[in-house]
Protein backbone atom coordinates (compact mmCIF):
# COMPACT_ATOMS: atom_id res chain seq x y z
CA MET A 1 19.93 42.98 -64.97
CA SER A 2 17.66 46.01 -64.93
CA ALA A 3 14.64 43.84 -65.75
CA THR A 4 15.43 41.58 -62.81
CA ARG A 5 15.90 44.55 -60.52
CA THR A 6 12.56 46.02 -61.64
CA LEU A 7 10.77 42.75 -60.94
CA ASP A 8 12.40 42.37 -57.53
CA THR A 9 11.44 45.85 -56.34
CA ALA A 10 7.90 45.79 -57.70
CA THR A 11 5.21 45.79 -55.04
CA PRO A 12 2.69 42.96 -55.12
CA PRO A 13 -0.78 43.79 -56.46
CA ALA A 14 -3.53 44.46 -53.92
CA SER A 15 -5.35 41.23 -54.81
CA THR A 16 -2.58 38.92 -53.63
CA PRO A 17 -2.89 37.29 -50.21
CA ALA A 18 0.40 38.88 -49.11
CA ALA A 19 -1.13 42.36 -49.48
CA ASP A 20 -4.33 41.38 -47.63
CA PRO A 21 -3.75 41.28 -43.88
CA GLY A 22 -6.68 38.87 -43.42
CA LEU A 23 -8.94 38.50 -40.43
CA SER A 24 -7.78 38.49 -36.85
CA HIS A 25 -8.14 35.38 -34.72
CA ARG A 26 -10.97 37.04 -32.78
CA GLU A 27 -12.88 37.90 -35.97
CA ILE A 28 -12.55 34.33 -37.22
CA LEU A 29 -13.86 33.00 -33.90
CA GLU A 30 -16.83 35.40 -34.07
CA ILE A 31 -17.64 34.22 -37.59
CA LEU A 32 -17.40 30.57 -36.58
CA ALA A 33 -19.51 31.12 -33.44
CA GLY A 34 -22.29 32.77 -35.44
CA LEU A 35 -22.28 30.13 -38.14
CA LEU A 36 -22.19 27.26 -35.66
CA ALA A 37 -25.07 28.76 -33.67
CA ALA A 38 -27.21 28.99 -36.81
CA LEU A 39 -26.30 25.46 -37.92
CA PHE A 40 -26.89 24.08 -34.43
CA THR A 41 -30.34 25.63 -34.34
CA ALA A 42 -31.26 24.16 -37.73
CA VAL A 43 -30.01 20.69 -36.83
CA LEU A 44 -31.63 20.83 -33.39
CA SER A 45 -34.93 21.80 -34.97
CA SER A 46 -34.83 18.77 -37.24
CA THR A 47 -34.00 16.50 -34.32
CA ILE A 48 -36.80 17.86 -32.15
CA VAL A 49 -39.36 17.64 -34.95
CA SER A 50 -38.46 14.05 -35.76
CA ASN A 51 -38.90 13.05 -32.10
CA ALA A 52 -42.13 15.00 -31.58
CA LEU A 53 -43.67 14.34 -34.99
CA PRO A 54 -45.89 11.40 -33.99
CA THR A 55 -47.56 13.56 -31.33
CA ILE A 56 -47.82 16.54 -33.70
CA ILE A 57 -49.42 14.45 -36.45
CA ALA A 58 -51.85 12.91 -33.96
CA ASP A 59 -52.87 16.37 -32.67
CA LEU A 60 -53.38 17.64 -36.22
CA GLU A 61 -55.27 14.44 -37.16
CA GLY A 62 -52.87 13.63 -39.99
CA SER A 63 -52.20 10.39 -41.84
CA GLN A 64 -49.09 8.24 -42.17
CA THR A 65 -48.48 9.69 -45.65
CA GLN A 66 -48.58 13.22 -44.27
CA TYR A 67 -46.23 12.13 -41.49
CA THR A 68 -43.69 11.08 -44.11
CA TRP A 69 -44.10 14.27 -46.12
CA VAL A 70 -43.37 16.52 -43.15
CA ILE A 71 -39.82 15.18 -43.03
CA THR A 72 -39.36 14.53 -46.74
CA ALA A 73 -40.47 18.05 -47.72
CA SER A 74 -37.79 19.76 -45.65
CA LEU A 75 -35.04 17.39 -46.81
CA LEU A 76 -36.08 17.74 -50.44
CA ALA A 77 -36.22 21.54 -50.20
CA MET A 78 -32.79 21.60 -48.57
CA THR A 79 -31.32 19.39 -51.28
CA VAL A 80 -32.80 21.44 -54.11
CA SER A 81 -31.92 24.83 -52.67
CA THR A 82 -28.30 24.18 -51.68
CA PRO A 83 -26.81 24.68 -55.18
CA VAL A 84 -29.04 27.72 -55.73
CA TRP A 85 -27.72 29.34 -52.56
CA GLY A 86 -24.18 28.48 -53.65
CA LYS A 87 -24.66 30.22 -57.00
CA LEU A 88 -26.27 33.23 -55.30
CA SER A 89 -23.28 33.48 -52.97
CA ASP A 90 -21.08 33.99 -56.02
CA LEU A 91 -23.25 36.93 -57.08
CA ILE A 92 -24.43 38.53 -53.81
CA SER A 93 -22.89 39.16 -50.39
CA LYS A 94 -22.55 35.96 -48.38
CA LYS A 95 -23.25 37.84 -45.16
CA LEU A 96 -26.55 39.16 -46.50
CA LEU A 97 -27.54 35.70 -47.75
CA VAL A 98 -26.79 34.06 -44.38
CA GLN A 99 -28.90 36.68 -42.65
CA LEU A 100 -31.71 36.04 -45.14
CA ALA A 101 -31.46 32.27 -44.57
CA ILE A 102 -31.64 32.76 -40.79
CA VAL A 103 -34.71 35.00 -41.11
CA MET A 104 -36.35 32.48 -43.44
CA PHE A 105 -35.62 29.66 -40.99
CA VAL A 106 -37.06 31.58 -38.05
CA ALA A 107 -40.16 32.48 -40.09
CA GLY A 108 -40.58 28.83 -41.12
CA SER A 109 -40.24 27.76 -37.49
CA ALA A 110 -42.84 30.27 -36.35
CA LEU A 111 -45.24 29.19 -39.10
CA ALA A 112 -44.68 25.52 -38.25
CA GLY A 113 -45.45 26.25 -34.61
CA ALA A 114 -48.66 28.02 -35.59
CA ALA A 115 -49.81 25.28 -37.99
CA HIS A 116 -53.42 24.11 -37.50
CA ASN A 117 -53.33 21.44 -40.20
CA VAL A 118 -50.74 19.16 -41.75
CA PRO A 119 -50.54 20.75 -45.24
CA PHE A 120 -49.70 24.09 -43.63
CA LEU A 121 -47.08 22.33 -41.48
CA ILE A 122 -45.57 20.75 -44.59
CA GLY A 123 -45.38 24.18 -46.26
CA ALA A 124 -43.65 25.65 -43.22
CA ARG A 125 -41.18 22.76 -43.21
CA VAL A 126 -40.46 23.45 -46.91
CA LEU A 127 -39.58 27.03 -45.97
CA GLN A 128 -37.33 25.70 -43.22
CA GLY A 129 -35.70 23.31 -45.68
CA LEU A 130 -35.01 26.12 -48.15
CA ALA A 131 -33.33 28.07 -45.35
CA MET A 132 -31.36 25.04 -44.13
CA GLY A 133 -29.97 24.57 -47.63
CA GLY A 134 -28.74 28.13 -47.51
CA LEU A 135 -27.21 27.73 -44.09
CA MET A 136 -25.35 24.57 -45.08
CA ALA A 137 -23.98 25.96 -48.35
CA LEU A 138 -23.16 29.42 -47.08
CA ALA A 139 -21.49 28.25 -43.88
CA GLN A 140 -18.99 26.26 -45.93
CA ALA A 141 -18.44 29.13 -48.37
CA ILE A 142 -17.88 31.66 -45.59
CA VAL A 143 -15.46 29.45 -43.69
CA GLY A 144 -13.57 28.81 -46.92
CA ALA A 145 -13.33 32.54 -47.61
CA ALA A 146 -12.49 33.57 -44.04
CA ILE A 147 -9.80 30.97 -43.38
CA PRO A 148 -7.39 30.71 -46.29
CA PRO A 149 -5.06 27.73 -46.44
CA ARG A 150 -1.73 28.37 -44.72
CA ASP A 151 0.46 26.89 -47.44
CA PRO A 152 -1.10 25.93 -50.76
CA THR A 153 1.71 23.46 -51.51
CA THR A 154 0.87 21.39 -48.43
CA ALA A 155 -2.84 21.15 -49.26
CA LYS A 156 -3.89 17.71 -50.40
CA PRO A 157 -4.45 17.80 -54.18
CA SER A 158 -7.87 16.53 -55.14
CA ALA A 159 -7.53 15.93 -58.88
CA ASN A 160 -4.53 18.08 -59.72
CA PRO A 161 -2.21 16.15 -62.04
CA THR A 162 0.66 18.63 -61.65
CA PRO A 163 2.86 18.08 -58.60
CA PRO A 164 3.67 20.96 -56.25
CA PRO A 165 6.84 22.89 -57.04
CA ARG A 166 10.06 21.47 -55.67
CA SER A 167 11.92 23.28 -52.96
CA PRO A 168 15.60 24.15 -53.54
CA ALA A 169 16.60 21.48 -51.02
CA ASN A 170 15.22 18.57 -53.05
CA GLN A 171 16.08 19.76 -56.56
CA PRO A 172 18.05 17.32 -58.70
CA PRO A 173 21.66 18.31 -59.29
CA PRO A 174 22.28 20.35 -62.46
CA ALA A 175 23.31 18.44 -65.58
CA ARG A 176 26.95 18.77 -66.62
């Protein structure tokens, strides 16, 4: 009996979600607004570049191969850098990494706007792609950390072979 009483009156450790009050609704909306603004800018940049690229390549006197590399370089850099950013987010502050990715993206955009030849433009697009990989990976990680699931037993199991615990209402009757 005393062991049960001791367990019942024990306070939960500080690392449990019950002890952590979490973020307010306003703070979550601020986080989402900032992340969505950064992602919107990155996606909008890609859309604008793909529409304006024939004119840009013509002005820079580029070839069809260079035209292809302007788009491929940013997509390839984004694909390669996404897991790297994810691993870094496990080791370093996610907020700092998102800020770094935004600064890198803005610097890549400025360099791309100042490009006087296609190889320089491709290099600037690689920098943008590296930053876009960070924005994509970190946005998902931050949203996952900021908005915990409401009830873990109602979450859809991905590959979990163990079923969720039964509630007292649907327990089988005790054996006699």
